[in-house]
C-alpha atoms as a PDB file:
ATOM      1  CA  MET A   1      12.958   5.774   0.548  1.00  0.00           C
ATOM      2  CA  GLU A   2      14.384   3.930   3.069  1.00  0.00           C
ATOM      3  CA  ALA A   3      12.819   2.199   6.454  1.00  0.00           C
ATOM      4  CA  VAL A   4      15.151   4.243   8.891  1.00  0.00           C
ATOM      5  CA  ASN A   5      13.722   1.254  11.988  1.00  0.00           C
ATOM      6  CA  LYS A   6      13.750  -2.704  11.177  1.00  0.00           C
ATOM      7  CA  HIS A   7      11.200  -2.666  14.069  1.00  0.00           C
ATOM      8  CA  TYR A   8       7.280  -3.658  12.282  1.00  0.00           C
ATOM      9  CA  GLY A   9       5.611  -0.478  13.915  1.00  0.00           C
ATOM     10  CA  ASP A  10       8.097   1.515  11.796  1.00  0.00           C
ATOM     11  CA  VAL A  11       7.763  -0.577   8.516  1.00  0.00           C
ATOM     12  CA  ASN A  12       4.342  -0.600   8.805  1.00  0.00           C
ATOM     13  CA  THR A  13       4.004   3.241   8.547  1.00  0.00           C
ATOM     14  CA  TRP A  14       6.665   3.985   5.896  1.00  0.00           C
ATOM     15  CA  ILE A  15       4.672   1.671   4.198  1.00  0.00           C
ATOM     16  CA  GLU A  16       1.964   3.324   4.580  1.00  0.00           C
ATOM     17  CA  LYS A  17       3.306   7.042   3.280  1.00  0.00           C
ATOM     18  CA  ILE A  18       4.578   4.984   0.168  1.00  0.00           C
ATOM     19  CA  ILE A  19       0.965   4.032  -0.129  1.00  0.00           C
ATOM     20  CA  ASP A  20      -0.372   7.564   0.321  1.00  0.00           C
ATOM     21  CA  SER A  21       2.105   9.083  -2.303  1.00  0.00           C
ATOM     22  CA  CYS A  22       0.708   6.819  -4.778  1.00  0.00           C
ATOM     23  CA  ASP A  23      -0.258   8.109  -8.084  1.00  0.00           C
ATOM     24  CA  SER A  24      -0.659   6.181 -10.511  1.00  0.00           C
ATOM     25  CA  PRO A  25      -1.901   2.386 -11.147  1.00  0.00           C
ATOM     26  CA  LYS A  26       1.676   1.446 -12.595  1.00  0.00           C
ATOM     27  CA  GLN A  27       3.295   1.718  -9.255  1.00  0.00           C
ATOM     28  CA  GLU A  28       0.370  -0.825  -7.737  1.00  0.00           C
ATOM     29  CA  GLN A  29       2.952  -3.551  -8.292  1.00  0.00           C
ATOM     30  CA  THR A  30       6.096  -1.837  -6.418  1.00  0.00           C
ATOM     31  CA  ILE A  31       4.735  -1.332  -3.937  1.00  0.00           C
ATOM     32  CA  GLN A  32       2.801  -5.221  -3.468  1.00  0.00           C
ATOM     33  CA  ASN A  33       6.739  -6.054  -3.415  1.00  0.00           C
ATOM     34  CA  LEU A  34       7.165  -4.447  -0.498  1.00  0.00           C
ATOM     35  CA  ILE A  35       4.442  -5.759   1.544  1.00  0.00           C
ATOM     36  CA  ASN A  36       5.516  -8.678   0.093  1.00  0.00           C
ATOM     37  CA  GLN A  37       8.805  -8.223   1.940  1.00  0.00           C
ATOM     38  CA  PHE A  38       7.432  -6.485   4.624  1.00  0.00           C
ATOM     39  CA  GLU A  39       4.751  -9.884   5.244  1.00  0.00           C
ATOM     40  CA  LYS A  40       8.222 -12.527   4.616  1.00  0.00           C
ATOM     41  CA  MET A  41      10.017  -9.995   7.332  1.00  0.00           C
ATOM     42  CA  LEU A  42       6.630 -10.214  10.182  1.00  0.00           C
ATOM     43  CA  ASP A  43       6.827 -14.010   9.688  1.00  0.00           C
ATOM     44  CA  ASN A  44      10.769 -14.680  10.328  1.00  0.00           C
ATOM     45  CA  ASP A  45       9.595 -12.806  13.645  1.00  0.00           C
ATOM     46  CA  SER A  46       8.853 -15.847  16.311  1.00  0.00           C
ATOM     47  CA  LYS A  47       7.913 -13.460  18.892  1.00  0.00           C
ATOM     48  CA  LEU A  48       5.088 -12.164  16.530  1.00  0.00           C
ATOM     49  CA  ASP A  49       1.169 -13.251  16.914  1.00  0.00           C
ATOM     50  CA  SER A  50       0.213 -14.706  13.676  1.00  0.00           C
ATOM     51  CA  TYR A  51      -3.079 -12.974  14.172  1.00  0.00           C
ATOM     52  CA  PHE A  52      -1.014  -9.611  14.618  1.00  0.00           C
ATOM     53  CA  ARG A  53       0.805 -10.739  11.696  1.00  0.00           C
ATOM     54  CA  ARG A  54      -1.816 -11.162   8.984  1.00  0.00           C
ATOM     55  CA  THR A  55      -4.094  -7.419  10.137  1.00  0.00           C
ATOM     56  CA  LEU A  56      -0.629  -5.608   9.759  1.00  0.00           C
ATOM     57  CA  ILE A  57      -1.035  -7.177   6.085  1.00  0.00           C
ATOM     58  CA  ARG A  58      -4.583  -7.092   5.253  1.00  0.00           C
ATOM     59  CA  ASN A  59      -5.263  -3.109   6.302  1.00  0.00           C
ATOM     60  CA  LEU A  60      -1.731  -2.388   4.135  1.00  0.00           C
ATOM     61  CA  GLU A  61      -3.586  -4.443   1.310  1.00  0.00           C
ATOM     62  CA  ILE A  62      -7.065  -3.083   1.804  1.00  0.00           C
ATOM     63  CA  ARG A  63      -5.060   0.453   2.161  1.00  0.00           C
ATOM     64  CA  ILE A  64      -3.278  -0.283  -1.272  1.00  0.00           C
ATOM     65  CA  ASN A  65      -6.119  -1.389  -2.454  1.00  0.00           C
ATOM     66  CA  ASN A  66      -8.728   1.953  -2.181  1.00  0.00           C
ATOM     67  CA  LYS A  67      -5.892   4.158  -3.134  1.00  0.00           C
ATOM     68  CA  ILE A  68      -5.921   2.096  -6.847  1.00  0.00           C
ATOM     69  CA  ASP A  69      -9.936   2.643  -6.897  1.00  0.00           C
ATOM     70  CA  GLU A  70      -9.184   5.905  -6.148  1.00  0.00           C
ATOM     71  CA  LEU A  71      -7.058   6.463  -8.866  1.00  0.00           C
ATOM     72  CA  PHE A  72      -8.880   4.990 -11.202  1.00  0.00           C
ATOM     73  CA  TYR A  73     -12.328   7.020 -10.107  1.00  0.00           C
ATOM     74  CA  LYS A  74     -10.511   9.898 -10.096  1.00  0.00           C
ATOM     75  CA  LYS A  75      -9.100   9.319 -13.821  1.00  0.00           C
ATOM     76  CA  ILE A  76     -12.824   7.964 -15.155  1.00  0.00           C
ATOM     77  CA  LYS A  77     -13.810  11.722 -13.935  1.00  0.00           C
ATOM     78  CA  GLU A  78     -11.320  13.408 -15.782  1.00  0.00           C
ATOM     79  CA  GLN A  79     -11.999  11.840 -18.466  1.00  0.00           C
ATOM     80  CA  GLU A  80     -15.642  12.101 -18.247  1.00  0.00           C
ATOM     81  CA  LYS A  81     -15.276  15.631 -17.616  1.00  0.00           C
ATOM     82  CA  GLU A  82     -13.437  15.565 -20.486  1.00  0.00           C
ATOM     83  CA  GLU A  83     -16.318  13.944 -22.703  1.00  0.00           C
ATOM     84  CA  ASN A  84     -18.533  16.239 -21.667  1.00  0.00           C
ATOM     85  CA  TYR A  85     -16.530  19.995 -21.985  1.00  0.00           C
ATOM     86  CA  GLY A  86     -14.151  19.310 -24.840  1.00  0.00           C
END
């Protein structure tokens, strides 16, 4: 999957879609690398306010953390279900 446009809004949306499609905690590092590259891209854009840049990155970090928590919670529930019925 490749970001078609380099506009920060499009890249942000693209990374959000990747986070939403994540189905394994092991994918977190790859997504974190994307977020780090995006942060570097934003840092190189002197037209953007630093607060705005940090807000974009922080929202992506929160989103990936929530997704990973969701995946772990799902895994724990599956294991509990197996223990109770298996």
